[in-house]
Amino acid sequence: MPSYVLLLNYTDEGMRNIKYLPQHVNAFRQAIEIAGGHLSNVFLTMGQFDMVAVAEAASDEVCASIALGLSSLGNVRCTTLKAFGETDLPHIVENIPSLEDEFSRILKEFRSA
């Protein structure tokens, strides 16, 4: 199942409701599970983002629906990143095109023209 990182920032309304944060996280977890996904973890963070959530969803479309639904409640604004796990890396790397070879070919053609 694809993984996603959700970067969350509180809205003014979210700050007014901050005492309900544990209940909001629980409802978020349930919503993801109902959609067939899994919320791996939620982190309260310091810096550019107020919270970071790591989730799995069946597809990009399902994750987008969840993120839009979460943001539509008005407590947070969400930026979503698709994440590729360690097991995905070998396949991704082996499919990197050899741009060096292509660049060399283009340079040779340019020099001979």
C-alpha atoms as a PDB file:
ATOM      1  CA  MET A   1       0.000   0.000   0.000  1.00  0.00           C
ATOM      2  CA  PRO A   2       1.426   3.447  -0.884  1.00  0.00           C
ATOM      3  CA  SER A   3       2.734   5.598   1.974  1.00  0.00           C
ATOM      4  CA  TYR A   4       2.147   9.297   2.481  1.00  0.00           C
ATOM      5  CA  VAL A   5       3.511  12.024   4.719  1.00  0.00           C
ATOM      6  CA  LEU A   6       0.946  14.644   5.709  1.00  0.00           C
ATOM      7  CA  LEU A   7       2.342  17.990   6.850  1.00  0.00           C
ATOM      8  CA  LEU A   8      -0.237  19.760   8.981  1.00  0.00           C
ATOM      9  CA  ASN A   9      -0.604  23.314  10.222  1.00  0.00           C
ATOM     10  CA  TYR A  10      -3.261  24.493  12.631  1.00  0.00           C
ATOM     11  CA  THR A  11      -5.750  27.091  11.492  1.00  0.00           C
ATOM     12  CA  ASP A  12      -7.064  29.721  13.906  1.00  0.00           C
ATOM     13  CA  GLU A  13     -10.051  27.456  14.510  1.00  0.00           C
ATOM     14  CA  GLY A  14      -7.714  24.527  15.147  1.00  0.00           C
ATOM     15  CA  MET A  15      -5.906  26.520  17.809  1.00  0.00           C
ATOM     16  CA  ARG A  16      -9.226  27.384  19.465  1.00  0.00           C
ATOM     17  CA  ASN A  17     -10.000  23.631  19.533  1.00  0.00           C
ATOM     18  CA  ILE A  18      -6.497  22.461  20.444  1.00  0.00           C
ATOM     19  CA  LYS A  19      -7.653  20.849  23.700  1.00  0.00           C
ATOM     20  CA  TYR A  20      -9.507  18.295  21.534  1.00  0.00           C
ATOM     21  CA  LEU A  21      -6.342  17.297  19.663  1.00  0.00           C
ATOM     22  CA  PRO A  22      -6.269  13.693  20.981  1.00  0.00           C
ATOM     23  CA  GLN A  23      -9.903  13.188  19.923  1.00  0.00           C
ATOM     24  CA  HIS A  24      -9.188  14.716  16.501  1.00  0.00           C
ATOM     25  CA  VAL A  25      -6.228  12.378  15.962  1.00  0.00           C
ATOM     26  CA  ASN A  26      -8.385   9.412  16.977  1.00  0.00           C
ATOM     27  CA  ALA A  27     -11.131  10.439  14.527  1.00  0.00           C
ATOM     28  CA  PHE A  28      -8.508  10.903  11.799  1.00  0.00           C
ATOM     29  CA  ARG A  29      -7.154   7.409  12.496  1.00  0.00           C
ATOM     30  CA  GLN A  30     -10.664   5.933  12.274  1.00  0.00           C
ATOM     31  CA  ALA A  31     -11.406   7.761   9.010  1.00  0.00           C
ATOM     32  CA  ILE A  32      -8.241   6.382   7.418  1.00  0.00           C
ATOM     33  CA  GLU A  33      -9.036   2.868   8.614  1.00  0.00           C
ATOM     34  CA  ILE A  34     -12.600   3.094   7.265  1.00  0.00           C
ATOM     35  CA  ALA A  35     -11.083   4.078   3.902  1.00  0.00           C
ATOM     36  CA  GLY A  36      -8.929   0.931   4.049  1.00  0.00           C
ATOM     37  CA  GLY A  37      -5.723   2.666   5.090  1.00  0.00           C
ATOM     38  CA  HIS A  38      -3.540   2.848   8.155  1.00  0.00           C
ATOM     39  CA  LEU A  39      -2.244   5.769  10.201  1.00  0.00           C
ATOM     40  CA  SER A  40       1.267   4.736  11.231  1.00  0.00           C
ATOM     41  CA  ASN A  41       2.030   7.679  13.475  1.00  0.00           C
ATOM     42  CA  VAL A  42       1.274  11.306  14.251  1.00  0.00           C
ATOM     43  CA  PHE A  43       3.970  13.645  15.523  1.00  0.00           C
ATOM     44  CA  LEU A  44       3.557  17.031  17.161  1.00  0.00           C
ATOM     45  CA  THR A  45       6.442  19.030  15.690  1.00  0.00           C
ATOM     46  CA  MET A  46       8.243  22.315  16.128  1.00  0.00           C
ATOM     47  CA  GLY A  47       9.236  24.363  13.116  1.00  0.00           C
ATOM     48  CA  GLN A  48       7.518  24.999   9.805  1.00  0.00           C
ATOM     49  CA  PHE A  49       4.780  22.414  10.435  1.00  0.00           C
ATOM     50  CA  ASP A  50       2.721  21.852  13.583  1.00  0.00           C
ATOM     51  CA  MET A  51       2.178  18.131  13.055  1.00  0.00           C
ATOM     52  CA  VAL A  52       3.367  15.357  10.764  1.00  0.00           C
ATOM     53  CA  ALA A  53       1.331  12.237  10.073  1.00  0.00           C
ATOM     54  CA  VAL A  54       2.549   9.106   8.306  1.00  0.00           C
ATOM     55  CA  ALA A  55      -0.201   7.087   6.665  1.00  0.00           C
ATOM     56  CA  GLU A  56      -0.870   4.357   4.146  1.00  0.00           C
ATOM     57  CA  ALA A  57      -3.786   4.455   1.719  1.00  0.00           C
ATOM     58  CA  ALA A  58      -4.949   2.265  -1.136  1.00  0.00           C
ATOM     59  CA  SER A  59      -4.201   4.920  -3.767  1.00  0.00           C
ATOM     60  CA  ASP A  60      -3.282   8.548  -4.357  1.00  0.00           C
ATOM     61  CA  GLU A  61      -6.967   9.293  -4.899  1.00  0.00           C
ATOM     62  CA  VAL A  62      -7.953   7.794  -1.542  1.00  0.00           C
ATOM     63  CA  CYS A  63      -5.208   9.731   0.227  1.00  0.00           C
ATOM     64  CA  ALA A  64      -6.250  12.955  -1.522  1.00  0.00           C
ATOM     65  CA  SER A  65      -9.859  12.409  -0.423  1.00  0.00           C
ATOM     66  CA  ILE A  66      -8.750  11.834   3.159  1.00  0.00           C
ATOM     67  CA  ALA A  67      -6.501  14.924   3.151  1.00  0.00           C
ATOM     68  CA  LEU A  68      -9.233  17.095   1.626  1.00  0.00           C
ATOM     69  CA  GLY A  69     -11.770  15.788   4.114  1.00  0.00           C
ATOM     70  CA  LEU A  70      -9.409  16.502   6.993  1.00  0.00           C
ATOM     71  CA  SER A  71      -8.715  20.039   5.777  1.00  0.00           C
ATOM     72  CA  SER A  72     -12.407  20.711   5.138  1.00  0.00           C
ATOM     73  CA  LEU A  73     -13.135  20.382   8.864  1.00  0.00           C
ATOM     74  CA  GLY A  74     -11.287  23.656   9.390  1.00  0.00           C
ATOM     75  CA  ASN A  75      -8.816  22.715  12.139  1.00  0.00           C
ATOM     76  CA  VAL A  76      -5.775  22.116   9.933  1.00  0.00           C
ATOM     77  CA  ARG A  77      -4.390  22.747   6.481  1.00  0.00           C
ATOM     78  CA  CYS A  78      -2.686  19.752   4.942  1.00  0.00           C
ATOM     79  CA  THR A  79       0.204  19.325   2.524  1.00  0.00           C
ATOM     80  CA  THR A  80       0.552  15.734   1.330  1.00  0.00           C
ATOM     81  CA  LEU A  81       3.709  14.027   0.101  1.00  0.00           C
ATOM     82  CA  LYS A  82       3.833  10.594  -1.473  1.00  0.00           C
ATOM     83  CA  ALA A  83       6.579   8.595   0.210  1.00  0.00           C
ATOM     84  CA  PHE A  84       8.646   5.753  -1.186  1.00  0.00           C
ATOM     85  CA  GLY A  85       9.878   3.216   1.327  1.00  0.00           C
ATOM     86  CA  GLU A  86      13.263   1.586   1.571  1.00  0.00           C
ATOM     87  CA  THR A  87      12.000  -1.499  -0.264  1.00  0.00           C
ATOM     88  CA  ASP A  88      11.022   0.712  -3.238  1.00  0.00           C
ATOM     89  CA  LEU A  89      14.490   2.223  -3.620  1.00  0.00           C
ATOM     90  CA  PRO A  90      16.250  -0.558  -5.595  1.00  0.00           C
ATOM     91  CA  HIS A  91      13.519  -0.561  -8.264  1.00  0.00           C
ATOM     92  CA  ILE A  92      13.504   3.238  -8.489  1.00  0.00           C
ATOM     93  CA  VAL A  93      17.288   3.447  -8.783  1.00  0.00           C
ATOM     94  CA  GLU A  94      17.588   0.670 -11.367  1.00  0.00           C
ATOM     95  CA  ASN A  95      15.166   2.561 -13.623  1.00  0.00           C
ATOM     96  CA  ILE A  96      17.103   5.843 -13.626  1.00  0.00           C
ATOM     97  CA  PRO A  97      17.852   6.620 -17.286  1.00  0.00           C
ATOM     98  CA  SER A  98      21.490   6.999 -18.228  1.00  0.00           C
ATOM     99  CA  LEU A  99      21.467  10.700 -18.979  1.00  0.00           C
ATOM    100  CA  GLU A 100      25.253  10.733 -19.122  1.00  0.00           C
ATOM    101  CA  ASP A 101      25.177   8.518 -22.232  1.00  0.00           C
ATOM    102  CA  GLU A 102      22.434  10.613 -23.812  1.00  0.00           C
ATOM    103  CA  PHE A 103      24.239  13.856 -22.951  1.00  0.00           C
ATOM    104  CA  SER A 104      27.465  12.528 -24.493  1.00  0.00           C
ATOM    105  CA  ARG A 105      25.598  11.577 -27.690  1.00  0.00           C
ATOM    106  CA  ILE A 106      24.043  15.056 -27.941  1.00  0.00           C
ATOM    107  CA  LEU A 107      27.437  16.726 -27.403  1.00  0.00           C
ATOM    108  CA  LYS A 108      29.041  14.581 -30.117  1.00  0.00           C
ATOM    109  CA  GLU A 109      26.269  15.484 -32.545  1.00  0.00           C
ATOM    110  CA  PHE A 110      26.611  19.176 -31.631  1.00  0.00           C
ATOM    111  CA  ARG A 111      30.398  19.145 -32.107  1.00  0.00           C
ATOM    112  CA  SER A 112      30.190  17.363 -35.463  1.00  0.00           C
ATOM    113  CA  ALA A 113      27.613  19.829 -36.811  1.00  0.00           C
END
